[in-house]
C-alpha atoms as a PDB file:
ATOM      1  CA  MET A   1     -48.109  39.791 -50.233  1.00  0.00           C
ATOM      2  CA  LYS A   2     -47.434  36.385 -47.498  1.00  0.00           C
ATOM      3  CA  PRO A   3     -45.096  37.954 -45.020  1.00  0.00           C
ATOM      4  CA  ILE A   4     -42.299  35.471 -43.656  1.00  0.00           C
ATOM      5  CA  GLU A   5     -42.982  33.066 -41.420  1.00  0.00           C
ATOM      6  CA  PHE A   6     -39.997  31.825 -39.661  1.00  0.00           C
ATOM      7  CA  PRO A   7     -40.070  28.004 -38.326  1.00  0.00           C
ATOM      8  CA  LYS A   8     -39.948  27.999 -34.672  1.00  0.00           C
ATOM      9  CA  THR A   9     -36.862  26.368 -33.318  1.00  0.00           C
ATOM     10  CA  ASP A  10     -36.529  24.258 -29.768  1.00  0.00           C
ATOM     11  CA  LYS A  11     -34.365  26.378 -27.521  1.00  0.00           C
ATOM     12  CA  ASN A  12     -31.628  24.080 -25.768  1.00  0.00           C
ATOM     13  CA  PRO A  13     -31.551  24.359 -22.256  1.00  0.00           C
ATOM     14  CA  ALA A  14     -27.461  23.732 -22.533  1.00  0.00           C
ATOM     15  CA  VAL A  15     -26.752  25.912 -24.754  1.00  0.00           C
ATOM     16  CA  ALA A  16     -29.012  29.234 -22.702  1.00  0.00           C
ATOM     17  CA  ALA A  17     -27.204  28.073 -19.526  1.00  0.00           C
ATOM     18  CA  ILE A  18     -23.408  27.919 -21.288  1.00  0.00           C
ATOM     19  CA  LEU A  19     -24.278  31.197 -23.009  1.00  0.00           C
ATOM     20  CA  SER A  20     -25.297  32.992 -19.420  1.00  0.00           C
ATOM     21  CA  SER A  21     -21.635  31.995 -18.319  1.00  0.00           C
ATOM     22  CA  PHE A  22     -20.172  33.734 -20.693  1.00  0.00           C
ATOM     23  CA  PHE A  23     -21.996  37.023 -20.279  1.00  0.00           C
ATOM     24  CA  ILE A  24     -25.362  37.463 -17.691  1.00  0.00           C
ATOM     25  CA  GLY A  25     -28.303  37.928 -19.010  1.00  0.00           C
ATOM     26  CA  LEU A  26     -26.856  36.281 -22.818  1.00  0.00           C
ATOM     27  CA  GLY A  27     -28.651  32.914 -22.200  1.00  0.00           C
ATOM     28  CA  GLN A  28     -31.733  35.382 -21.557  1.00  0.00           C
ATOM     29  CA  ALA A  29     -31.320  36.774 -24.656  1.00  0.00           C
ATOM     30  CA  TYR A  30     -31.245  33.494 -26.614  1.00  0.00           C
ATOM     31  CA  ASN A  31     -34.580  32.313 -25.087  1.00  0.00           C
ATOM     32  CA  GLY A  32     -36.033  35.573 -26.662  1.00  0.00           C
ATOM     33  CA  GLU A  33     -36.455  36.845 -22.898  1.00  0.00           C
ATOM     34  CA  ILE A  34     -35.151  40.000 -23.810  1.00  0.00           C
ATOM     35  CA  ALA A  35     -36.647  42.841 -20.883  1.00  0.00           C
ATOM     36  CA  LYS A  36     -35.364  39.659 -18.775  1.00  0.00           C
ATOM     37  CA  ALA A  37     -31.817  39.946 -19.835  1.00  0.00           C
ATOM     38  CA  VAL A  38     -31.782  44.106 -19.973  1.00  0.00           C
ATOM     39  CA  ILE A  39     -33.106  43.314 -16.059  1.00  0.00           C
ATOM     40  CA  PHE A  40     -30.056  40.834 -15.318  1.00  0.00           C
ATOM     41  CA  LEU A  41     -27.772  43.559 -17.048  1.00  0.00           C
ATOM     42  CA  ILE A  42     -28.940  46.026 -14.950  1.00  0.00           C
ATOM     43  CA  LEU A  43     -28.609  44.312 -11.173  1.00  0.00           C
ATOM     44  CA  TYR A  44     -25.052  42.808 -12.313  1.00  0.00           C
ATOM     45  CA  ALA A  45     -23.724  46.152 -12.846  1.00  0.00           C
ATOM     46  CA  ILE A  46     -25.641  47.181  -9.391  1.00  0.00           C
ATOM     47  CA  SER A  47     -23.918  43.844  -7.977  1.00  0.00           C
ATOM     48  CA  ILE A  48     -20.530  44.881  -9.421  1.00  0.00           C
ATOM     49  CA  PHE A  49     -20.702  48.516  -7.988  1.00  0.00           C
ATOM     50  CA  LEU A  50     -21.396  46.417  -4.964  1.00  0.00           C
ATOM     51  CA  THR A  51     -17.773  44.962  -4.668  1.00  0.00           C
ATOM     52  CA  PHE A  52     -16.184  48.678  -3.801  1.00  0.00           C
ATOM     53  CA  PHE A  53     -18.800  47.867  -0.358  1.00  0.00           C
ATOM     54  CA  LEU A  54     -17.223  44.042  -0.348  1.00  0.00           C
ATOM     55  CA  ILE A  55     -20.907  43.115  -0.460  1.00  0.00           C
ATOM     56  CA  GLY A  56     -20.704  42.828  -4.305  1.00  0.00           C
ATOM     57  CA  PHE A  57     -18.299  39.877  -3.593  1.00  0.00           C
ATOM     58  CA  VAL A  58     -21.042  37.798  -1.910  1.00  0.00           C
ATOM     59  CA  THR A  59     -23.944  38.666  -4.514  1.00  0.00           C
ATOM     60  CA  THR A  60     -22.536  38.985  -8.234  1.00  0.00           C
ATOM     61  CA  PRO A  61     -21.231  34.981  -7.696  1.00  0.00           C
ATOM     62  CA  ILE A  62     -25.133  34.190  -6.978  1.00  0.00           C
ATOM     63  CA  LEU A  63     -26.240  36.508  -9.519  1.00  0.00           C
ATOM     64  CA  TRP A  64     -24.162  34.731 -12.357  1.00  0.00           C
ATOM     65  CA  LEU A  65     -25.413  31.471 -11.115  1.00  0.00           C
ATOM     66  CA  TRP A  66     -28.553  32.630 -10.762  1.00  0.00           C
ATOM     67  CA  SER A  67     -28.959  33.853 -14.692  1.00  0.00           C
ATOM     68  CA  MET A  68     -27.517  30.111 -15.779  1.00  0.00           C
ATOM     69  CA  VAL A  69     -29.823  28.317 -13.793  1.00  0.00           C
ATOM     70  CA  ASP A  70     -33.081  30.896 -14.934  1.00  0.00           C
ATOM     71  CA  ALA A  71     -31.733  30.307 -18.685  1.00  0.00           C
ATOM     72  CA  TYR A  72     -31.545  26.702 -18.111  1.00  0.00           C
ATOM     73  CA  ARG A  73     -35.356  26.554 -16.453  1.00  0.00           C
ATOM     74  CA  SER A  74     -37.045  29.157 -19.308  1.00  0.00           C
ATOM     75  CA  SER A  75     -35.620  27.672 -22.225  1.00  0.00           C
ATOM     76  CA  GLN A  76     -37.326  24.023 -20.577  1.00  0.00           C
ATOM     77  CA  LYS A  77     -40.501  26.108 -20.331  1.00  0.00           C
ATOM     78  CA  ILE A  78     -40.281  27.326 -23.722  1.00  0.00           C
ATOM     79  CA  ASN A  79     -39.832  23.891 -25.379  1.00  0.00           C
ATOM     80  CA  GLN A  80     -42.728  22.608 -22.955  1.00  0.00           C
ATOM     81  CA  ALA A  81     -45.539  25.459 -24.250  1.00  0.00           C
ATOM     82  CA  GLY A  82     -43.913  25.007 -27.455  1.00  0.00           C
ATOM     83  CA  ALA A  83     -44.895  21.215 -28.021  1.00  0.00           C
ATOM     84  CA  ALA A  84     -48.059  21.464 -25.836  1.00  0.00           C
ATOM     85  CA  SER A  85     -49.144  24.409 -28.700  1.00  0.00           C
ATOM     86  CA  GLN A  86     -48.042  21.966 -31.417  1.00  0.00           C
ATOM     87  CA  LEU A  87     -51.442  19.314 -30.307  1.00  0.00           C
ATOM     88  CA  PRO A  88     -54.230  19.182 -32.423  1.00  0.00           C
ATOM     89  CA  SER A  89     -56.853  21.789 -32.037  1.00  0.00           C
ATOM     90  CA  ASP A  90     -60.063  18.989 -31.968  1.00  0.00           C
ATOM     91  CA  ALA A  91     -57.445  17.459 -29.074  1.00  0.00           C
ATOM     92  CA  SER A  92     -59.363  16.730 -25.732  1.00  0.00           C
ATOM     93  CA  PRO A  93     -57.492  14.895 -22.612  1.00  0.00           C
ATOM     94  CA  SER A  94     -60.206  11.973 -23.164  1.00  0.00           C
ATOM     95  CA  SER A  95     -58.562  11.374 -26.623  1.00  0.00           C
ATOM     96  CA  LEU A  96     -54.936  11.761 -25.839  1.00  0.00           C
ATOM     97  CA  VAL A  97     -55.212   9.167 -22.990  1.00  0.00           C
ATOM     98  CA  MET A  98     -54.466   5.128 -24.922  1.00  0.00           C
ATOM     99  CA  ASN A  99     -57.056   2.595 -24.508  1.00  0.00           C
ATOM    100  CA  VAL A 100     -56.449  -0.111 -22.409  1.00  0.00           C
ATOM    101  CA  GLN A 101     -58.027  -2.777 -22.092  1.00  0.00           C
ATOM    102  CA  VAL A 102     -57.589  -5.365 -19.581  1.00  0.00           C
ATOM    103  CA  ARG A 103     -58.753  -9.081 -19.777  1.00  0.00           C
ATOM    104  CA  GLU A 104     -59.624 -11.308 -17.517  1.00  0.00           C
END
């Protein structure tokens, strides 16, 4: 029996950023980067703990914004990598360049 293959879908950068704005690491999980999502959660927990020492009031918003920006950029990179992998296997760089003829 042949395994079921799910079609690869593009990741929407806006959705990834919005998910990270709701809960830190959720955008990374949406992008399939589970390890990175867990790292963001651990850093967020440490940052929340640091609010007892006042430094967390600086680090928590920075980490939250960084999570959103990272989710957005990662989804763009994932989409670019997916687009590059959809090129024909026999495509060479010279075959992808348009032929332009200059008339004199």
